[in-house]
Amino acid sequence: MGLEIEGRASDSPYVSYVWRSRSEGVDLMTAVATTGWDLVFWESPDGFHAAIAGPESKVSTAPVPEDSAFFGITFALGTTMTHLPSARLVDSGVDIPDATRRSFWLKGSHWPVPGPDDAEEFADRLVRAGVLVRDPLVSEVMRGGTPDVSPRTAQRRFQAATGFTHGAARQIERARRAAVLLCEGAAADDVVHRLGYYDEPHLARALARFVGRTAGQLRDDPRPARPLSLLYKT
């Protein structure tokens, strides 16, 4: 029982991860900070639902619909909807009313509900329809590149496309990578060295702020009573 999550990485420039999960006997989870936003569909005893879940700037506690099956698409950092910018979604979300198993309403049109096997094709359709756009500057900056624009313009574009400053996005992504490594059994001092934290207290502060668990808890108790939201290798 708990919150079972499985998924796969995507090679689409617009999609980061495609996932499915099922809840059983759990009503709360620890929502780990994340820079991406999700389009989520779920079926529970009271019907079929859809929502846009925004990026999270810090760890929080979130409700979990009981006995429900979920499917979600996590969009890549720098990808945003033209009518609903990522900056408006940080620490928030939007319910999509009147969704059915077959279709849902988005930016003035009905769209077929995608599945795990056609998430990338669905994203491409959104791009062609002008619903979804991507600023390639974001990926370049996150890789450590130097865009051919002024630093001020780069920061403005980065924040417009993501809702975060470059520094904040980097901190969140690093803390998530640290959590994944610790869940896989890595020692805290090794994570400090690999990810460039100053020392273990620096790592501990990042985990408290963005993940909500200590290094020891992540390493020794990968299936806590209150499960963590989606964590995956980036």
Protein backbone atom coordinates (compact mmCIF):
# COMPACT_ATOMS: atom_id res chain seq x y z
CA MET A 1 0.00 0.00 0.00
CA GLY A 2 1.07 3.61 -0.48
CA LEU A 3 1.83 5.61 -3.61
CA GLU A 4 3.33 3.45 -6.34
CA ILE A 5 5.03 5.46 -9.11
CA GLU A 6 6.64 4.28 -12.33
CA GLY A 7 7.78 6.22 -15.33
CA ARG A 8 10.28 6.88 -18.06
CA ALA A 9 12.46 9.72 -19.24
CA SER A 10 11.64 11.35 -22.57
CA ASP A 11 13.88 12.38 -25.45
CA SER A 12 11.48 15.14 -26.47
CA PRO A 13 12.80 18.70 -25.97
CA TYR A 14 9.35 19.56 -24.56
CA VAL A 15 8.82 16.61 -22.21
CA SER A 16 11.01 15.63 -19.28
CA TYR A 17 9.23 12.60 -17.84
CA VAL A 18 6.14 10.45 -18.39
CA TRP A 19 4.74 8.69 -15.36
CA ARG A 20 1.92 6.64 -13.88
CA SER A 21 1.00 6.00 -10.27
CA ARG A 22 -1.63 4.45 -8.06
CA SER A 23 -2.64 5.38 -4.51
CA GLU A 24 -3.85 2.91 -1.94
CA GLY A 25 -4.18 3.56 1.78
CA VAL A 26 -2.48 6.97 1.66
CA ASP A 27 -4.04 10.43 1.82
CA LEU A 28 -0.99 12.73 2.17
CA MET A 29 2.39 12.96 0.50
CA THR A 30 5.50 15.10 0.81
CA ALA A 31 5.61 17.21 -2.33
CA VAL A 32 9.27 17.66 -3.25
CA ALA A 33 10.30 20.95 -4.85
CA THR A 34 10.44 20.75 -8.63
CA THR A 35 11.14 23.11 -11.52
CA GLY A 36 8.83 21.33 -13.96
CA TRP A 37 5.07 21.53 -14.32
CA ASP A 38 2.76 18.61 -14.99
CA LEU A 39 -0.39 17.84 -16.90
CA VAL A 40 -2.08 15.23 -14.71
CA PHE A 41 -5.07 12.96 -15.24
CA TRP A 42 -6.53 10.68 -12.60
CA GLU A 43 -9.50 8.46 -11.99
CA SER A 44 -10.86 8.08 -8.49
CA PRO A 45 -14.09 6.68 -7.02
CA ASP A 46 -15.77 10.06 -7.63
CA GLY A 47 -14.90 10.30 -11.33
CA PHE A 48 -12.26 11.35 -13.88
CA HIS A 49 -10.19 14.49 -13.33
CA ALA A 50 -7.51 16.61 -14.99
CA ALA A 51 -5.32 19.41 -13.70
CA ILE A 52 -2.17 21.40 -14.36
CA ALA A 53 0.22 21.13 -11.40
CA GLY A 54 2.72 23.97 -11.28
CA PRO A 55 6.37 23.98 -10.27
CA GLU A 56 7.13 23.89 -6.53
CA SER A 57 9.67 26.28 -5.02
CA LYS A 58 9.89 24.41 -1.71
CA VAL A 59 8.81 21.22 -0.01
CA SER A 60 5.19 21.01 1.12
CA THR A 61 2.51 18.55 2.17
CA ALA A 62 -0.10 17.69 -0.45
CA PRO A 63 -3.31 15.63 -0.37
CA VAL A 64 -3.53 12.40 -2.38
CA PRO A 65 -6.90 11.22 -3.71
CA GLU A 66 -7.43 7.76 -2.26
CA ASP A 67 -7.72 4.62 -4.39
CA SER A 68 -6.90 6.51 -7.57
CA ALA A 69 -4.92 5.84 -10.75
CA PHE A 70 -2.86 8.71 -12.16
CA PHE A 71 -1.10 9.52 -15.43
CA GLY A 72 1.09 12.57 -15.88
CA ILE A 73 3.40 14.37 -18.28
CA THR A 74 6.18 16.43 -16.71
CA PHE A 75 7.20 19.14 -19.15
CA ALA A 76 10.82 20.14 -19.59
CA LEU A 77 12.22 23.22 -17.90
CA GLY A 78 11.78 26.15 -20.27
CA THR A 79 8.59 24.75 -21.83
CA THR A 80 5.49 26.79 -21.11
CA MET A 81 1.92 27.26 -22.28
CA THR A 82 1.25 30.45 -24.18
CA HIS A 83 -1.95 31.15 -22.27
CA LEU A 84 -0.68 30.08 -18.84
CA PRO A 85 2.98 31.00 -18.26
CA SER A 86 5.02 28.92 -15.82
CA ALA A 87 5.61 31.97 -13.64
CA ARG A 88 1.89 32.05 -12.83
CA LEU A 89 1.90 28.39 -11.84
CA VAL A 90 4.73 28.34 -9.27
CA ASP A 91 3.41 26.87 -6.00
CA SER A 92 -0.03 26.67 -7.58
CA GLY A 93 -2.08 24.80 -10.15
CA VAL A 94 -5.22 24.87 -12.26
CA ASP A 95 -8.07 22.36 -12.25
CA ILE A 96 -9.44 21.48 -15.68
CA PRO A 97 -13.22 21.10 -15.36
CA ASP A 98 -15.45 18.61 -17.17
CA ALA A 99 -12.65 16.25 -18.19
CA THR A 100 -13.66 12.77 -19.32
CA ARG A 101 -11.73 9.62 -20.04
CA ARG A 102 -11.75 10.59 -23.71
CA SER A 103 -11.18 14.35 -23.79
CA PHE A 104 -10.46 17.52 -21.84
CA TRP A 105 -10.62 21.25 -22.48
CA LEU A 106 -7.42 23.30 -22.99
CA LYS A 107 -7.07 26.81 -24.43
CA GLY A 108 -10.45 26.89 -26.08
CA SER A 109 -10.40 23.42 -27.64
CA HIS A 110 -11.17 19.83 -26.75
CA TRP A 111 -8.14 17.54 -26.76
CA PRO A 112 -8.01 13.73 -26.57
CA VAL A 113 -6.61 12.44 -23.30
CA PRO A 114 -3.09 11.17 -24.05
CA GLY A 115 -1.52 8.02 -22.68
CA PRO A 116 1.99 6.92 -21.68
CA ASP A 117 2.83 5.81 -25.22
CA ASP A 118 1.80 8.96 -27.06
CA ALA A 119 2.83 11.72 -24.63
CA GLU A 120 5.49 13.06 -27.00
CA GLU A 121 3.13 13.03 -29.97
CA PHE A 122 0.58 14.89 -27.85
CA ALA A 123 3.19 17.52 -26.91
CA ASP A 124 4.09 17.97 -30.58
CA ARG A 125 0.42 18.57 -31.38
CA LEU A 126 0.27 21.25 -28.68
CA VAL A 127 3.34 22.89 -30.19
CA ARG A 128 1.86 22.88 -33.69
CA ALA A 129 -1.37 24.39 -32.33
CA GLY A 130 0.55 27.21 -30.61
CA VAL A 131 -0.41 26.05 -27.12
CA LEU A 132 3.10 25.03 -26.07
CA VAL A 133 6.38 26.90 -26.61
CA ARG A 134 9.95 26.42 -25.47
CA ASP A 135 12.82 28.86 -24.94
CA PRO A 136 16.09 27.03 -25.82
CA LEU A 137 18.04 29.60 -23.80
CA VAL A 138 16.91 27.84 -20.61
CA SER A 139 18.58 24.55 -21.51
CA GLU A 140 21.73 26.35 -22.58
CA VAL A 141 21.95 28.24 -19.29
CA MET A 142 21.29 25.10 -17.23
CA ARG A 143 24.11 23.33 -19.09
CA GLY A 144 26.46 26.15 -18.12
CA GLY A 145 26.54 27.79 -21.54
CA THR A 146 26.71 31.50 -22.27
CA PRO A 147 23.82 32.68 -24.47
CA ASP A 148 24.51 35.36 -27.05
CA VAL A 149 22.49 37.95 -25.13
CA SER A 150 23.25 40.21 -22.21
CA PRO A 151 23.20 38.64 -18.71
CA ARG A 152 20.20 40.79 -17.83
CA THR A 153 18.26 39.60 -20.89
CA ALA A 154 19.22 35.99 -20.19
CA GLN A 155 17.95 36.20 -16.62
CA ARG A 156 14.72 37.89 -17.72
CA ARG A 157 14.03 35.25 -20.35
CA PHE A 158 14.94 32.42 -17.99
CA GLN A 159 12.55 33.64 -15.31
CA ALA A 160 9.77 34.31 -17.82
CA ALA A 161 10.03 30.76 -19.19
CA THR A 162 10.39 28.95 -15.86
CA GLY A 163 9.10 31.09 -13.01
CA PHE A 164 12.50 30.81 -11.31
CA THR A 165 15.81 32.59 -11.38
CA HIS A 166 18.67 30.48 -12.71
CA GLY A 167 20.11 30.21 -9.20
CA ALA A 168 16.85 28.98 -7.69
CA ALA A 169 16.29 26.41 -10.47
CA ARG A 170 19.83 25.13 -10.06
CA GLN A 171 19.39 24.71 -6.29
CA ILE A 172 16.16 22.74 -6.73
CA GLU A 173 17.58 20.47 -9.43
CA ARG A 174 20.71 19.80 -7.37
CA ALA A 175 18.69 18.93 -4.26
CA ARG A 176 16.54 16.52 -6.28
CA ARG A 177 19.67 14.85 -7.70
CA ALA A 178 21.04 14.58 -4.17
CA ALA A 179 17.83 12.91 -2.98
CA VAL A 180 17.93 10.38 -5.81
CA LEU A 181 21.56 9.50 -5.05
CA LEU A 182 20.82 9.09 -1.36
CA CYS A 183 17.79 6.89 -2.10
CA GLU A 184 20.11 4.73 -4.19
CA GLY A 185 22.40 4.28 -1.18
CA ALA A 186 25.10 6.91 -1.73
CA ALA A 187 26.82 8.27 1.36
CA ALA A 188 26.20 11.92 2.28
CA ASP A 189 29.87 12.87 1.98
CA ASP A 190 29.99 11.35 -1.50
CA VAL A 191 26.91 13.36 -2.54
CA VAL A 192 28.52 16.53 -1.16
CA HIS A 193 31.60 15.90 -3.28
CA ARG A 194 29.77 14.85 -6.46
CA LEU A 195 27.27 17.72 -6.50
CA GLY A 196 29.45 20.54 -5.23
CA TYR A 197 27.92 21.27 -1.83
CA TYR A 198 30.24 23.06 0.59
CA ASP A 199 29.83 20.44 3.31
CA GLU A 200 27.26 18.11 4.85
CA PRO A 201 25.43 20.91 6.74
CA HIS A 202 25.00 22.71 3.40
CA LEU A 203 23.50 19.53 1.94
CA ALA A 204 21.28 19.09 5.00
CA ARG A 205 19.84 22.61 4.64
CA ALA A 206 19.09 22.03 0.96
CA LEU A 207 17.35 18.72 1.68
CA ALA A 208 15.27 20.30 4.46
CA ARG A 209 14.18 23.15 2.21
CA PHE A 210 13.51 21.28 -1.02
CA VAL A 211 12.95 17.60 -0.11
CA GLY A 212 11.75 17.53 3.49
CA ARG A 213 13.84 14.57 4.60
CA THR A 214 17.32 14.10 6.00
CA ALA A 215 20.11 12.29 4.20
CA GLY A 216 19.78 9.37 6.62
CA GLN A 217 16.02 9.10 6.09
CA LEU A 218 16.42 9.07 2.31
CA ARG A 219 19.14 6.45 2.44
CA ASP A 220 17.68 4.17 5.11
CA ASP A 221 13.92 4.53 4.65
CA PRO A 222 13.09 4.74 0.93
CA ARG A 223 9.39 3.87 1.56
CA PRO A 224 8.21 6.21 4.35
CA ALA A 225 4.68 6.26 5.76
CA ARG A 226 4.17 9.62 4.03
CA PRO A 227 5.54 9.03 0.53
CA LEU A 228 7.56 11.48 -1.50
CA SER A 229 6.20 12.91 -4.73
CA LEU A 230 7.87 12.11 -8.02
CA LEU A 231 11.66 11.83 -7.88
CA TYR A 232 13.63 10.77 -10.95
CA LYS A 233 17.07 11.14 -12.41
CA THR A 234 17.57 14.38 -14.33
